[in-house]
Amino acid sequence: MKKLNLKPKIAAMQRLKVNLPKQLGNDAVNHFRNSFRLGGFEDQSVDMWELPKRKQFTMSKSGKTKRFTNKGFTRADRTRATLVQTGALRNSVRVLRTSPGEVVIGSDLKYAQIHNDGGKLKNGGTMPKRQFVGDSRKLTANMKKKISGEILKALKI
């Protein structure tokens, strides 16, 4: 009868339990930061954000010329990506904590939640929802593939 040595496989699975949340957290951060490049949140498809006033324009009847409806903004303002002025909000999306079996992604900026969820502002105005962090079917599917692949690799099946 042949003995089966499970110690290396158990050790590999224990390493995986510690390392995999960190890897998945980094993948999630990259996915959420990509929202700023895309100009919308990627779930199954990209849910584009409402354009800020500095980027809104109307087309002439001939369709050849654009006329910006909100004057007073520089060309740099009109071409800058939505939700990006200094890049602080995009760069604040990070792994807040990891533990075996858990990873938490978020931002510690005060204004991140109102941009992500939308809502009423203190001055009486409203902020449209421009989600950049949340449940994403595409991210979940990618994570499932990665988890399966890493488990198979750890077990060397």
Protein backbone atom coordinates (compact mmCIF):
# COMPACT_ATOMS: atom_id res chain seq x y z
CA MET A 1 0.00 0.00 0.00
CA LYS A 2 1.29 3.46 -1.00
CA LYS A 3 1.27 6.31 1.53
CA LEU A 4 -0.16 9.62 0.44
CA ASN A 5 1.75 12.67 1.72
CA LEU A 6 -0.70 15.56 2.00
CA LYS A 7 1.60 17.94 3.92
CA PRO A 8 2.84 19.83 0.80
CA LYS A 9 -0.70 20.25 -0.53
CA ILE A 10 -1.99 21.45 2.84
CA ALA A 11 0.89 23.92 3.10
CA ALA A 12 0.18 25.17 -0.44
CA MET A 13 -3.50 25.67 0.40
CA GLN A 14 -2.61 27.58 3.58
CA ARG A 15 -0.29 29.89 1.59
CA LEU A 16 -3.08 30.35 -0.93
CA LYS A 17 -5.53 31.32 1.83
CA VAL A 18 -3.19 34.14 2.86
CA ASN A 19 -1.91 35.28 -0.56
CA LEU A 20 -5.03 34.97 -2.71
CA PRO A 21 -7.03 37.76 -0.99
CA LYS A 22 -4.11 40.15 -1.60
CA GLN A 23 -3.96 39.19 -5.29
CA LEU A 24 -7.72 39.49 -5.70
CA GLY A 25 -7.69 42.82 -3.87
CA ASN A 26 -5.09 44.20 -6.26
CA ASP A 27 -7.13 42.96 -9.23
CA ALA A 28 -10.23 44.66 -7.82
CA VAL A 29 -8.38 47.95 -7.26
CA ASN A 30 -7.17 47.89 -10.87
CA HIS A 31 -10.72 47.12 -12.08
CA PHE A 32 -12.22 50.01 -10.08
CA ARG A 33 -9.49 52.49 -11.05
CA ASN A 34 -10.14 51.56 -14.67
CA SER A 35 -13.60 53.12 -14.26
CA PHE A 36 -11.94 56.53 -14.34
CA ARG A 37 -10.29 55.74 -17.68
CA LEU A 38 -13.51 54.32 -19.15
CA GLY A 39 -15.70 57.14 -17.86
CA GLY A 40 -18.15 54.68 -16.32
CA PHE A 41 -18.55 51.61 -14.14
CA GLU A 42 -17.94 48.22 -15.72
CA ASP A 43 -20.44 45.60 -14.62
CA GLN A 44 -21.47 43.34 -17.52
CA SER A 45 -21.09 46.34 -19.79
CA VAL A 46 -19.88 49.87 -19.09
CA ASP A 47 -22.49 52.10 -17.44
CA MET A 48 -21.28 55.51 -18.64
CA TRP A 49 -21.32 58.42 -16.18
CA GLU A 50 -23.35 61.55 -16.78
CA LEU A 51 -21.07 64.21 -18.24
CA PRO A 52 -20.22 67.16 -16.00
CA LYS A 53 -21.37 70.60 -17.11
CA ARG A 54 -17.84 71.48 -18.19
CA LYS A 55 -18.05 68.76 -20.88
CA GLN A 56 -21.62 69.20 -22.06
CA PHE A 57 -22.17 70.58 -25.54
CA THR A 58 -24.79 70.84 -28.24
CA MET A 59 -24.33 70.06 -31.91
CA SER A 60 -25.28 72.49 -34.66
CA LYS A 61 -28.14 71.48 -36.92
CA SER A 62 -25.65 70.52 -39.61
CA GLY A 63 -23.92 68.25 -37.08
CA LYS A 64 -20.50 69.70 -37.88
CA THR A 65 -19.79 72.03 -34.97
CA LYS A 66 -19.97 71.62 -31.22
CA ARG A 67 -21.00 74.49 -28.99
CA PHE A 68 -20.27 74.12 -25.31
CA THR A 69 -23.32 75.04 -23.25
CA ASN A 70 -21.36 76.04 -20.19
CA LYS A 71 -18.93 78.82 -21.09
CA GLY A 72 -16.12 79.81 -18.78
CA PHE A 73 -14.30 76.50 -18.79
CA THR A 74 -10.89 76.17 -20.37
CA ARG A 75 -10.16 73.58 -23.02
CA ALA A 76 -8.18 71.64 -20.42
CA ASP A 77 -11.29 71.56 -18.20
CA ARG A 78 -13.47 70.34 -21.05
CA THR A 79 -11.07 67.55 -22.07
CA ARG A 80 -10.14 66.33 -18.57
CA ALA A 81 -11.65 62.97 -17.63
CA THR A 82 -14.82 62.93 -15.55
CA LEU A 83 -14.14 62.71 -11.79
CA VAL A 84 -10.46 63.53 -12.34
CA GLN A 85 -9.02 66.87 -11.35
CA THR A 86 -5.92 65.93 -9.40
CA GLY A 87 -6.28 62.15 -9.52
CA ALA A 88 -6.69 61.98 -5.73
CA LEU A 89 -10.06 60.19 -5.89
CA ARG A 90 -8.82 57.61 -8.39
CA ASN A 91 -5.62 57.03 -6.40
CA SER A 92 -7.54 56.74 -3.12
CA VAL A 93 -9.23 53.51 -4.27
CA ARG A 94 -7.16 50.87 -2.54
CA VAL A 95 -7.16 47.71 -0.45
CA LEU A 96 -8.24 48.85 3.01
CA ARG A 97 -7.65 45.50 4.74
CA THR A 98 -7.15 41.83 4.01
CA SER A 99 -7.46 38.74 6.13
CA PRO A 100 -7.64 35.07 5.20
CA GLY A 101 -10.80 34.77 3.13
CA GLU A 102 -11.60 38.49 3.04
CA VAL A 103 -10.52 41.66 1.27
CA VAL A 104 -12.03 45.14 1.66
CA ILE A 105 -11.65 47.75 -1.10
CA GLY A 106 -12.59 51.39 -0.68
CA SER A 107 -11.51 54.99 -0.34
CA ASP A 108 -10.87 57.09 2.74
CA LEU A 109 -11.68 60.42 1.06
CA LYS A 110 -14.69 62.25 2.51
CA TYR A 111 -16.21 63.01 -0.89
CA ALA A 112 -15.77 59.53 -2.39
CA GLN A 113 -19.13 58.19 -1.23
CA ILE A 114 -21.21 61.08 -2.64
CA HIS A 115 -19.49 60.69 -6.02
CA ASN A 116 -19.97 56.91 -5.99
CA ASP A 117 -23.59 56.87 -4.78
CA GLY A 118 -24.87 60.31 -5.82
CA GLY A 119 -27.29 62.28 -3.68
CA LYS A 120 -27.99 65.65 -2.12
CA LEU A 121 -25.18 68.04 -1.32
CA LYS A 122 -25.01 70.27 1.75
CA ASN A 123 -25.45 73.38 -0.43
CA GLY A 124 -28.81 72.07 -1.70
CA GLY A 125 -27.52 70.80 -5.05
CA THR A 126 -27.45 67.21 -6.20
CA MET A 127 -24.59 65.00 -7.32
CA PRO A 128 -25.37 62.42 -10.00
CA LYS A 129 -24.34 58.84 -9.28
CA ARG A 130 -20.99 58.10 -10.87
CA GLN A 131 -20.22 54.67 -9.44
CA PHE A 132 -16.60 53.58 -9.54
CA VAL A 133 -16.62 50.94 -6.73
CA GLY A 134 -19.24 48.23 -6.25
CA ASP A 135 -20.43 44.78 -7.26
CA SER A 136 -19.33 43.94 -10.78
CA ARG A 137 -20.30 40.74 -12.58
CA LYS A 138 -17.23 40.95 -14.80
CA LEU A 139 -14.90 41.32 -11.80
CA THR A 140 -16.65 38.46 -9.99
CA ALA A 141 -16.29 36.16 -13.01
CA ASN A 142 -12.58 37.04 -13.31
CA MET A 143 -12.09 36.36 -9.60
CA LYS A 144 -13.80 32.97 -9.84
CA LYS A 145 -11.49 31.99 -12.72
CA LYS A 146 -8.44 33.12 -10.78
CA ILE A 147 -9.49 31.28 -7.61
CA SER A 148 -10.13 28.04 -9.52
CA GLY A 149 -6.84 28.32 -11.36
CA GLU A 150 -4.85 29.02 -8.21
CA ILE A 151 -6.47 26.12 -6.34
CA LEU A 152 -5.72 23.73 -9.19
CA LYS A 153 -2.15 25.02 -9.35
CA ALA A 154 -1.70 24.60 -5.57
CA LEU A 155 -3.00 21.06 -5.72
CA LYS A 156 -1.10 20.40 -8.99
CA ILE A 157 -4.06 18.72 -10.64
